[in-house]
Amino acid sequence: MKISNEDKKQLRRLGHKINPVVTVATKGLSENVLAEIDRALTDHELIKVKFSGSNQQSRANAVEIIREKCGAEVVQSIGHVLLLLKKSNRPNPKLSNLIR
């Protein structure tokens, strides 16, 4: 799924208000962290992930792993915060950050 520039602008506006729901600590990505990211993407569709204590190269590797394993699209990556999108077929209006 490719996101157009106009859609990215709108998603960045929406993402500005939300807080990170998952933090990837110094131990990096584990199966449990990937499962939590996938669950959060399924519930909320648009989430922020925060990386703490990692260098730029390890963050870039982690982003690629998240994209592959979770099927998410990167909307924005600034510093230690990553904004991800994974549209749901049947979003929950109470949980989705795109609908609320």
PDB file of N, CA and C in Angstrom:
ATOM      1  N   MET A   1       0.843  -1.163   0.000  1.00  0.00           N
ATOM      2  CA  MET A   1       0.000   0.000   0.000  1.00  0.00           C
ATOM      3  C   MET A   1       0.894   1.234   0.000  1.00  0.00           C
ATOM      4  N   LYS A   2       0.718   2.086  -0.941  1.00  0.00           N
ATOM      5  CA  LYS A   2       1.491   3.318  -1.059  1.00  0.00           C
ATOM      6  C   LYS A   2       0.613   4.476  -0.604  1.00  0.00           C
ATOM      7  N   ILE A   3       1.197   5.358   0.192  1.00  0.00           N
ATOM      8  CA  ILE A   3       0.465   6.501   0.726  1.00  0.00           C
ATOM      9  C   ILE A   3       0.856   7.742  -0.069  1.00  0.00           C
ATOM     10  N   SER A   4      -0.150   8.491  -0.544  1.00  0.00           N
ATOM     11  CA  SER A   4       0.140   9.710  -1.293  1.00  0.00           C
ATOM     12  C   SER A   4       0.619  10.798  -0.335  1.00  0.00           C
ATOM     13  N   ASN A   5       1.232  11.829  -0.888  1.00  0.00           N
ATOM     14  CA  ASN A   5       1.737  12.926  -0.066  1.00  0.00           C
ATOM     15  C   ASN A   5       0.619  13.655   0.668  1.00  0.00           C
ATOM     16  N   GLU A   6      -0.538  13.822   0.018  1.00  0.00           N
ATOM     17  CA  GLU A   6      -1.677  14.469   0.665  1.00  0.00           C
ATOM     18  C   GLU A   6      -2.181  13.639   1.837  1.00  0.00           C
ATOM     19  N   ASP A   7      -2.235  12.325   1.636  1.00  0.00           N
ATOM     20  CA  ASP A   7      -2.661  11.435   2.723  1.00  0.00           C
ATOM     21  C   ASP A   7      -1.661  11.472   3.875  1.00  0.00           C
ATOM     22  N   LYS A   8      -0.371  11.516   3.556  1.00  0.00           N
ATOM     23  CA  LYS A   8       0.654  11.592   4.597  1.00  0.00           C
ATOM     24  C   LYS A   8       0.504  12.869   5.420  1.00  0.00           C
ATOM     25  N   LYS A   9       0.199  13.978   4.757  1.00  0.00           N
ATOM     26  CA  LYS A   9      -0.005  15.230   5.473  1.00  0.00           C
ATOM     27  C   LYS A   9      -1.146  15.110   6.472  1.00  0.00           C
ATOM     28  N   GLN A  10      -2.243  14.529   6.019  1.00  0.00           N
ATOM     29  CA  GLN A  10      -3.412  14.359   6.888  1.00  0.00           C
ATOM     30  C   GLN A  10      -3.094  13.400   8.036  1.00  0.00           C
ATOM     31  N   LEU A  11      -2.394  12.324   7.748  1.00  0.00           N
ATOM     32  CA  LEU A  11      -2.042  11.362   8.782  1.00  0.00           C
ATOM     33  C   LEU A  11      -1.069  11.965   9.801  1.00  0.00           C
ATOM     34  N   ARG A  12      -0.153  12.811   9.349  1.00  0.00           N
ATOM     35  CA  ARG A  12       0.760  13.482  10.282  1.00  0.00           C
ATOM     36  C   ARG A  12      -0.010  14.426  11.198  1.00  0.00           C
ATOM     37  N   ARG A  13      -1.042  15.098  10.638  1.00  0.00           N
ATOM     38  CA  ARG A  13      -1.884  15.958  11.475  1.00  0.00           C
ATOM     39  C   ARG A  13      -2.582  15.144  12.556  1.00  0.00           C
ATOM     40  N   LEU A  14      -3.131  14.010  12.165  1.00  0.00           N
ATOM     41  CA  LEU A  14      -3.804  13.141  13.134  1.00  0.00           C
ATOM     42  C   LEU A  14      -2.812  12.575  14.148  1.00  0.00           C
ATOM     43  N   GLY A  15      -1.638  12.198  13.680  1.00  0.00           N
ATOM     44  CA  GLY A  15      -0.632  11.593  14.535  1.00  0.00           C
ATOM     45  C   GLY A  15      -0.010  12.561  15.519  1.00  0.00           C
ATOM     46  N   HIS A  16      -0.101  13.841  15.245  1.00  0.00           N
ATOM     47  CA  HIS A  16       0.487  14.835  16.128  1.00  0.00           C
ATOM     48  C   HIS A  16      -0.122  14.766  17.528  1.00  0.00           C
ATOM     49  N   LYS A  17      -1.410  14.438  17.606  1.00  0.00           N
ATOM     50  CA  LYS A  17      -2.133  14.447  18.875  1.00  0.00           C
ATOM     51  C   LYS A  17      -1.947  13.173  19.696  1.00  0.00           C
ATOM     52  N   ILE A  18      -1.527  12.087  19.063  1.00  0.00           N
ATOM     53  CA  ILE A  18      -1.484  10.814  19.793  1.00  0.00           C
ATOM     54  C   ILE A  18      -0.128  10.592  20.456  1.00  0.00           C
ATOM     55  N   ASN A  19      -0.147   9.826  21.517  1.00  0.00           N
ATOM     56  CA  ASN A  19       1.068   9.490  22.256  1.00  0.00           C
ATOM     57  C   ASN A  19       1.576   8.122  21.816  1.00  0.00           C
ATOM     58  N   PRO A  20       2.872   7.864  21.976  1.00  0.00           N
ATOM     59  CA  PRO A  20       3.397   6.535  21.637  1.00  0.00           C
ATOM     60  C   PRO A  20       2.723   5.451  22.484  1.00  0.00           C
ATOM     61  N   VAL A  21       2.334   4.357  21.833  1.00  0.00           N
ATOM     62  CA  VAL A  21       1.674   3.262  22.540  1.00  0.00           C
ATOM     63  C   VAL A  21       2.632   2.115  22.821  1.00  0.00           C
ATOM     64  N   VAL A  22       3.743   2.075  22.105  1.00  0.00           N
ATOM     65  CA  VAL A  22       4.747   1.026  22.304  1.00  0.00           C
ATOM     66  C   VAL A  22       6.114   1.697  22.371  1.00  0.00           C
ATOM     67  N   THR A  23       6.939   1.236  23.307  1.00  0.00           N
ATOM     68  CA  THR A  23       8.316   1.712  23.412  1.00  0.00           C
ATOM     69  C   THR A  23       9.252   0.538  23.183  1.00  0.00           C
ATOM     70  N   VAL A  24      10.173   0.720  22.248  1.00  0.00           N
ATOM     71  CA  VAL A  24      11.197  -0.290  21.987  1.00  0.00           C
ATOM     72  C   VAL A  24      12.416   0.125  22.792  1.00  0.00           C
ATOM     73  N   ALA A  25      12.735  -0.656  23.810  1.00  0.00           N
ATOM     74  CA  ALA A  25      13.818  -0.316  24.732  1.00  0.00           C
ATOM     75  C   ALA A  25      15.170  -0.759  24.178  1.00  0.00           C
ATOM     76  N   THR A  26      16.176  -0.710  25.014  1.00  0.00           N
ATOM     77  CA  THR A  26      17.541  -0.981  24.586  1.00  0.00           C
ATOM     78  C   THR A  26      17.765  -2.420  24.141  1.00  0.00           C
ATOM     79  N   LYS A  27      16.926  -3.353  24.595  1.00  0.00           N
ATOM     80  CA  LYS A  27      17.083  -4.747  24.180  1.00  0.00           C
ATOM     81  C   LYS A  27      16.579  -4.987  22.758  1.00  0.00           C
ATOM     82  N   GLY A  28      15.903  -4.005  22.169  1.00  0.00           N
ATOM     83  CA  GLY A  28      15.478  -4.100  20.780  1.00  0.00           C
ATOM     84  C   GLY A  28      14.146  -4.803  20.597  1.00  0.00           C
ATOM     85  N   LEU A  29      13.927  -5.255  19.390  1.00  0.00           N
ATOM     86  CA  LEU A  29      12.663  -5.901  19.038  1.00  0.00           C
ATOM     87  C   LEU A  29      12.674  -7.362  19.444  1.00  0.00           C
ATOM     88  N   SER A  30      11.676  -7.749  20.194  1.00  0.00           N
ATOM     89  CA  SER A  30      11.473  -9.161  20.513  1.00  0.00           C
ATOM     90  C   SER A  30      10.146  -9.569  19.897  1.00  0.00           C
ATOM     91  N   GLU A  31       9.842 -10.829  19.952  1.00  0.00           N
ATOM     92  CA  GLU A  31       8.563 -11.308  19.404  1.00  0.00           C
ATOM     93  C   GLU A  31       7.396 -10.682  20.157  1.00  0.00           C
ATOM     94  N   ASN A  32       7.559 -10.477  21.472  1.00  0.00           N
ATOM     95  CA  ASN A  32       6.487  -9.867  22.262  1.00  0.00           C
ATOM     96  C   ASN A  32       6.255  -8.416  21.874  1.00  0.00           C
ATOM     97  N   VAL A  33       7.323  -7.685  21.611  1.00  0.00           N
ATOM     98  CA  VAL A  33       7.193  -6.286  21.201  1.00  0.00           C
ATOM     99  C   VAL A  33       6.535  -6.210  19.822  1.00  0.00           C
ATOM    100  N   LEU A  34       6.943  -7.074  18.904  1.00  0.00           N
ATOM    101  CA  LEU A  34       6.325  -7.108  17.574  1.00  0.00           C
ATOM    102  C   LEU A  34       4.842  -7.469  17.670  1.00  0.00           C
ATOM    103  N   ALA A  35       4.505  -8.398  18.550  1.00  0.00           N
ATOM    104  CA  ALA A  35       3.104  -8.781  18.734  1.00  0.00           C
ATOM    105  C   ALA A  35       2.297  -7.612  19.289  1.00  0.00           C
ATOM    106  N   GLU A  36       2.879  -6.858  20.185  1.00  0.00           N
ATOM    107  CA  GLU A  36       2.186  -5.697  20.761  1.00  0.00           C
ATOM    108  C   GLU A  36       2.002  -4.599  19.714  1.00  0.00           C
ATOM    109  N   ILE A  37       3.009  -4.377  18.885  1.00  0.00           N
ATOM    110  CA  ILE A  37       2.881  -3.395  17.802  1.00  0.00           C
ATOM    111  C   ILE A  37       1.787  -3.824  16.836  1.00  0.00           C
ATOM    112  N   ASP A  38       1.756  -5.100  16.482  1.00  0.00           N
ATOM    113  CA  ASP A  38       0.739  -5.602  15.564  1.00  0.00           C
ATOM    114  C   ASP A  38      -0.657  -5.479  16.176  1.00  0.00           C
ATOM    115  N   ARG A  39      -0.786  -5.786  17.465  1.00  0.00           N
ATOM    116  CA  ARG A  39      -2.078  -5.659  18.133  1.00  0.00           C
ATOM    117  C   ARG A  39      -2.526  -4.200  18.163  1.00  0.00           C
ATOM    118  N   ALA A  40      -1.604  -3.291  18.468  1.00  0.00           N
ATOM    119  CA  ALA A  40      -1.933  -1.870  18.511  1.00  0.00           C
ATOM    120  C   ALA A  40      -2.328  -1.354  17.127  1.00  0.00           C
ATOM    121  N   LEU A  41      -1.638  -1.811  16.098  1.00  0.00           N
ATOM    122  CA  LEU A  41      -1.997  -1.412  14.729  1.00  0.00           C
ATOM    123  C   LEU A  41      -3.380  -1.930  14.352  1.00  0.00           C
ATOM    124  N   THR A  42      -3.695  -3.148  14.763  1.00  0.00           N
ATOM    125  CA  THR A  42      -5.005  -3.716  14.467  1.00  0.00           C
ATOM    126  C   THR A  42      -6.102  -2.927  15.169  1.00  0.00           C
ATOM    127  N   ASP A  43      -5.860  -2.546  16.411  1.00  0.00           N
ATOM    128  CA  ASP A  43      -6.868  -1.811  17.181  1.00  0.00           C
ATOM    129  C   ASP A  43      -6.981  -0.354  16.753  1.00  0.00           C
ATOM    130  N   HIS A  44      -5.845   0.329  16.613  1.00  0.00           N
ATOM    131  CA  HIS A  44      -5.843   1.783  16.444  1.00  0.00           C
ATOM    132  C   HIS A  44      -5.573   2.261  15.019  1.00  0.00           C
ATOM    133  N   GLU A  45      -5.045   1.425  14.156  1.00  0.00           N
ATOM    134  CA  GLU A  45      -4.710   1.724  12.758  1.00  0.00           C
ATOM    135  C   GLU A  45      -3.544   2.705  12.589  1.00  0.00           C
ATOM    136  N   LEU A  46      -3.490   3.756  13.384  1.00  0.00           N
ATOM    137  CA  LEU A  46      -2.430   4.753  13.313  1.00  0.00           C
ATOM    138  C   LEU A  46      -1.810   4.859  14.702  1.00  0.00           C
ATOM    139  N   ILE A  47      -0.526   4.499  14.812  1.00  0.00           N
ATOM    140  CA  ILE A  47       0.125   4.500  16.126  1.00  0.00           C
ATOM    141  C   ILE A  47       1.505   5.137  16.050  1.00  0.00           C
ATOM    142  N   LYS A  48       1.999   5.504  17.230  1.00  0.00           N
ATOM    143  CA  LYS A  48       3.380   5.965  17.361  1.00  0.00           C
ATOM    144  C   LYS A  48       4.153   4.919  18.135  1.00  0.00           C
ATOM    145  N   VAL A  49       5.383   4.695  17.704  1.00  0.00           N
ATOM    146  CA  VAL A  49       6.311   3.800  18.398  1.00  0.00           C
ATOM    147  C   VAL A  49       7.528   4.630  18.762  1.00  0.00           C
ATOM    148  N   LYS A  50       7.955   4.519  20.029  1.00  0.00           N
ATOM    149  CA  LYS A  50       9.112   5.275  20.499  1.00  0.00           C
ATOM    150  C   LYS A  50      10.289   4.336  20.698  1.00  0.00           C
ATOM    151  N   PHE A  51      11.444   4.743  20.214  1.00  0.00           N
ATOM    152  CA  PHE A  51      12.685   3.994  20.403  1.00  0.00           C
ATOM    153  C   PHE A  51      13.505   4.709  21.464  1.00  0.00           C
ATOM    154  N   SER A  52      13.969   3.962  22.457  1.00  0.00           N
ATOM    155  CA  SER A  52      14.803   4.585  23.482  1.00  0.00           C
ATOM    156  C   SER A  52      16.152   3.882  23.527  1.00  0.00           C
ATOM    157  N   GLY A  53      17.189   4.664  23.608  1.00  0.00           N
ATOM    158  CA  GLY A  53      18.532   4.129  23.761  1.00  0.00           C
ATOM    159  C   GLY A  53      19.071   3.363  22.575  1.00  0.00           C
ATOM    160  N   SER A  54      18.726   3.763  21.376  1.00  0.00           N
ATOM    161  CA  SER A  54      19.251   3.061  20.200  1.00  0.00           C
ATOM    162  C   SER A  54      19.859   4.075  19.231  1.00  0.00           C
ATOM    163  N   ASN A  55      20.794   3.596  18.413  1.00  0.00           N
ATOM    164  CA  ASN A  55      21.406   4.489  17.437  1.00  0.00           C
ATOM    165  C   ASN A  55      20.594   4.473  16.142  1.00  0.00           C
ATOM    166  N   GLN A  56      20.973   5.327  15.220  1.00  0.00           N
ATOM    167  CA  GLN A  56      20.219   5.504  13.986  1.00  0.00           C
ATOM    168  C   GLN A  56      20.166   4.234  13.144  1.00  0.00           C
ATOM    169  N   GLN A  57      21.272   3.516  13.055  1.00  0.00           N
ATOM    170  CA  GLN A  57      21.309   2.298  12.242  1.00  0.00           C
ATOM    171  C   GLN A  57      20.415   1.212  12.826  1.00  0.00           C
ATOM    172  N   SER A  58      20.440   1.029  14.127  1.00  0.00           N
ATOM    173  CA  SER A  58      19.595   0.005  14.735  1.00  0.00           C
ATOM    174  C   SER A  58      18.113   0.371  14.625  1.00  0.00           C
ATOM    175  N   ARG A  59      17.801   1.672  14.701  1.00  0.00           N
ATOM    176  CA  ARG A  59      16.412   2.110  14.498  1.00  0.00           C
ATOM    177  C   ARG A  59      15.959   1.818  13.080  1.00  0.00           C
ATOM    178  N   ALA A  60      16.828   2.097  12.092  1.00  0.00           N
ATOM    179  CA  ALA A  60      16.482   1.838  10.691  1.00  0.00           C
ATOM    180  C   ALA A  60      16.229   0.348  10.466  1.00  0.00           C
ATOM    181  N   ASN A  61      17.057  -0.497  11.063  1.00  0.00           N
ATOM    182  CA  ASN A  61      16.848  -1.949  10.949  1.00  0.00           C
ATOM    183  C   ASN A  61      15.537  -2.366  11.605  1.00  0.00           C
ATOM    184  N   ALA A  62      15.245  -1.794  12.765  1.00  0.00           N
ATOM    185  CA  ALA A  62      14.011  -2.120  13.476  1.00  0.00           C
ATOM    186  C   ALA A  62      12.781  -1.688  12.678  1.00  0.00           C
ATOM    187  N   VAL A  63      12.865  -0.530  12.033  1.00  0.00           N
ATOM    188  CA  VAL A  63      11.747  -0.042  11.215  1.00  0.00           C
ATOM    189  C   VAL A  63      11.466  -1.014  10.073  1.00  0.00           C
ATOM    190  N   GLU A  64      12.502  -1.494   9.416  1.00  0.00           N
ATOM    191  CA  GLU A  64      12.317  -2.454   8.324  1.00  0.00           C
ATOM    192  C   GLU A  64      11.702  -3.756   8.827  1.00  0.00           C
ATOM    193  N   ILE A  65      12.117  -4.222   9.979  1.00  0.00           N
ATOM    194  CA  ILE A  65      11.556  -5.450  10.544  1.00  0.00           C
ATOM    195  C   ILE A  65      10.082  -5.253  10.881  1.00  0.00           C
ATOM    196  N   ILE A  66       9.749  -4.110  11.466  1.00  0.00           N
ATOM    197  CA  ILE A  66       8.350  -3.814  11.797  1.00  0.00           C
ATOM    198  C   ILE A  66       7.507  -3.770  10.534  1.00  0.00           C
ATOM    199  N   ARG A  67       8.009  -3.118   9.501  1.00  0.00           N
ATOM    200  CA  ARG A  67       7.259  -3.032   8.237  1.00  0.00           C
ATOM    201  C   ARG A  67       6.998  -4.412   7.659  1.00  0.00           C
ATOM    202  N   GLU A  68       8.000  -5.259   7.671  1.00  0.00           N
ATOM    203  CA  GLU A  68       7.853  -6.593   7.094  1.00  0.00           C
ATOM    204  C   GLU A  68       6.943  -7.484   7.921  1.00  0.00           C
ATOM    205  N   LYS A  69       7.169  -7.534   9.234  1.00  0.00           N
ATOM    206  CA  LYS A  69       6.425  -8.461  10.099  1.00  0.00           C
ATOM    207  C   LYS A  69       4.991  -8.026  10.329  1.00  0.00           C
ATOM    208  N   CYS A  70       4.749  -6.719  10.432  1.00  0.00           N
ATOM    209  CA  CYS A  70       3.412  -6.224  10.766  1.00  0.00           C
ATOM    210  C   CYS A  70       2.625  -5.751   9.548  1.00  0.00           C
ATOM    211  N   GLY A  71       3.287  -5.561   8.430  1.00  0.00           N
ATOM    212  CA  GLY A  71       2.593  -5.097   7.234  1.00  0.00           C
ATOM    213  C   GLY A  71       2.153  -3.645   7.326  1.00  0.00           C
ATOM    214  N   ALA A  72       2.913  -2.842   8.035  1.00  0.00           N
ATOM    215  CA  ALA A  72       2.553  -1.442   8.249  1.00  0.00           C
ATOM    216  C   ALA A  72       3.323  -0.532   7.294  1.00  0.00           C
ATOM    217  N   GLU A  73       2.776   0.648   7.104  1.00  0.00           N
ATOM    218  CA  GLU A  73       3.441   1.674   6.305  1.00  0.00           C
ATOM    219  C   GLU A  73       3.967   2.751   7.225  1.00  0.00           C
ATOM    220  N   VAL A  74       5.158   3.222   6.942  1.00  0.00           N
ATOM    221  CA  VAL A  74       5.749   4.306   7.727  1.00  0.00           C
ATOM    222  C   VAL A  74       5.214   5.625   7.192  1.00  0.00           C
ATOM    223  N   VAL A  75       4.547   6.376   8.057  1.00  0.00           N
ATOM    224  CA  VAL A  75       4.033   7.684   7.676  1.00  0.00           C
ATOM    225  C   VAL A  75       5.100   8.737   7.921  1.00  0.00           C
ATOM    226  N   GLN A  76       5.765   8.637   9.082  1.00  0.00           N
ATOM    227  CA  GLN A  76       6.765   9.630   9.438  1.00  0.00           C
ATOM    228  C   GLN A  76       7.737   9.034  10.448  1.00  0.00           C
ATOM    229  N   SER A  77       8.975   9.441  10.346  1.00  0.00           N
ATOM    230  CA  SER A  77       9.989   9.033  11.311  1.00  0.00           C
ATOM    231  C   SER A  77      10.821  10.257  11.660  1.00  0.00           C
ATOM    232  N   ILE A  78      10.667  10.707  12.901  1.00  0.00           N
ATOM    233  CA  ILE A  78      11.416  11.871  13.360  1.00  0.00           C
ATOM    234  C   ILE A  78      12.119  11.490  14.651  1.00  0.00           C
ATOM    235  N   GLY A  79      13.432  11.552  14.633  1.00  0.00           N
ATOM    236  CA  GLY A  79      14.204  11.235  15.827  1.00  0.00           C
ATOM    237  C   GLY A  79      13.940   9.826  16.318  1.00  0.00           C
ATOM    238  N   HIS A  80      13.445   9.722  17.517  1.00  0.00           N
ATOM    239  CA  HIS A  80      13.198   8.425  18.140  1.00  0.00           C
ATOM    240  C   HIS A  80      11.738   8.004  18.056  1.00  0.00           C
ATOM    241  N   VAL A  81      10.920   8.716  17.287  1.00  0.00           N
ATOM    242  CA  VAL A  81       9.485   8.421  17.206  1.00  0.00           C
ATOM    243  C   VAL A  81       9.120   8.064  15.772  1.00  0.00           C
ATOM    244  N   LEU A  82       8.334   6.992  15.665  1.00  0.00           N
ATOM    245  CA  LEU A  82       7.913   6.465  14.375  1.00  0.00           C
ATOM    246  C   LEU A  82       6.393   6.468  14.323  1.00  0.00           C
ATOM    247  N   LEU A  83       5.814   6.981  13.248  1.00  0.00           N
ATOM    248  CA  LEU A  83       4.368   6.987  13.055  1.00  0.00           C
ATOM    249  C   LEU A  83       4.033   5.936  12.004  1.00  0.00           C
ATOM    250  N   LEU A  84       3.199   4.955  12.389  1.00  0.00           N
ATOM    251  CA  LEU A  84       2.871   3.815  11.521  1.00  0.00           C
ATOM    252  C   LEU A  84       1.394   3.770  11.208  1.00  0.00           C
ATOM    253  N   LEU A  85       1.074   3.234  10.026  1.00  0.00           N
ATOM    254  CA  LEU A  85      -0.315   3.069   9.588  1.00  0.00           C
ATOM    255  C   LEU A  85      -0.519   1.660   9.074  1.00  0.00           C
ATOM    256  N   LYS A  86      -1.619   1.063   9.494  1.00  0.00           N
ATOM    257  CA  LYS A  86      -2.067  -0.208   8.940  1.00  0.00           C
ATOM    258  C   LYS A  86      -3.581  -0.176   8.958  1.00  0.00           C
ATOM    259  N   LYS A  87      -4.178   0.053   7.789  1.00  0.00           N
ATOM    260  CA  LYS A  87      -5.632   0.172   7.716  1.00  0.00           C
ATOM    261  C   LYS A  87      -6.285  -1.177   7.975  1.00  0.00           C
ATOM    262  N   SER A  88      -7.385  -1.123   8.706  1.00  0.00           N
ATOM    263  CA  SER A  88      -8.142  -2.314   9.055  1.00  0.00           C
ATOM    264  C   SER A  88      -9.338  -2.459   8.131  1.00  0.00           C
ATOM    265  N   ASN A  89      -9.731  -3.704   7.864  1.00  0.00           N
ATOM    266  CA  ASN A  89     -10.913  -3.943   7.039  1.00  0.00           C
ATOM    267  C   ASN A  89     -12.184  -3.516   7.763  1.00  0.00           C
ATOM    268  N   ARG A  90     -12.223  -3.814   9.074  1.00  0.00           N
ATOM    269  CA  ARG A  90     -13.373  -3.417   9.882  1.00  0.00           C
ATOM    270  C   ARG A  90     -12.867  -2.692  11.132  1.00  0.00           C
ATOM    271  N   PRO A  91     -12.618  -1.389  11.016  1.00  0.00           N
ATOM    272  CA  PRO A  91     -12.086  -0.660  12.161  1.00  0.00           C
ATOM    273  C   PRO A  91     -13.120  -0.496  13.268  1.00  0.00           C
ATOM    274  N   ASN A  92     -12.642  -0.504  14.502  1.00  0.00           N
ATOM    275  CA  ASN A  92     -13.489  -0.264  15.654  1.00  0.00           C
ATOM    276  C   ASN A  92     -13.577   1.249  15.857  1.00  0.00           C
ATOM    277  N   PRO A  93     -14.763   1.840  15.732  1.00  0.00           N
ATOM    278  CA  PRO A  93     -14.865   3.297  15.832  1.00  0.00           C
ATOM    279  C   PRO A  93     -14.456   3.848  17.201  1.00  0.00           C
ATOM    280  N   LYS A  94     -14.491   3.013  18.230  1.00  0.00           N
ATOM    281  CA  LYS A  94     -14.109   3.481  19.562  1.00  0.00           C
ATOM    282  C   LYS A  94     -12.600   3.502  19.745  1.00  0.00           C
ATOM    283  N   LEU A  95     -11.869   2.708  18.973  1.00  0.00           N
ATOM    284  CA  LEU A  95     -10.420   2.590  19.139  1.00  0.00           C
ATOM    285  C   LEU A  95      -9.610   3.251  18.027  1.00  0.00           C
ATOM    286  N   SER A  96     -10.147   3.300  16.828  1.00  0.00           N
ATOM    287  CA  SER A  96      -9.395   3.751  15.664  1.00  0.00           C
ATOM    288  C   SER A  96      -9.017   5.230  15.786  1.00  0.00           C
ATOM    289  N   ASN A  97      -7.741   5.527  15.560  1.00  0.00           N
ATOM    290  CA  ASN A  97      -7.275   6.912  15.558  1.00  0.00           C
ATOM    291  C   ASN A  97      -7.627   7.629  14.258  1.00  0.00           C
ATOM    292  N   LEU A  98      -8.055   6.888  13.252  1.00  0.00           N
ATOM    293  CA  LEU A  98      -8.433   7.506  11.973  1.00  0.00           C
ATOM    294  C   LEU A  98      -9.875   7.974  11.982  1.00  0.00           C
ATOM    295  N   ILE A  99     -10.722   7.335  12.780  1.00  0.00           N
ATOM    296  CA  ILE A  99     -12.149   7.647  12.790  1.00  0.00           C
ATOM    297  C   ILE A  99     -12.497   8.657  13.882  1.00  0.00           C
ATOM    298  N   ARG A 100     -11.848   8.523  15.041  1.00  0.00           N
ATOM    299  CA  ARG A 100     -12.222   9.388  16.175  1.00  0.00           C
ATOM    300  C   ARG A 100     -11.961  10.820  15.895  1.00  0.00           C
TER     301      ARG A 100
END
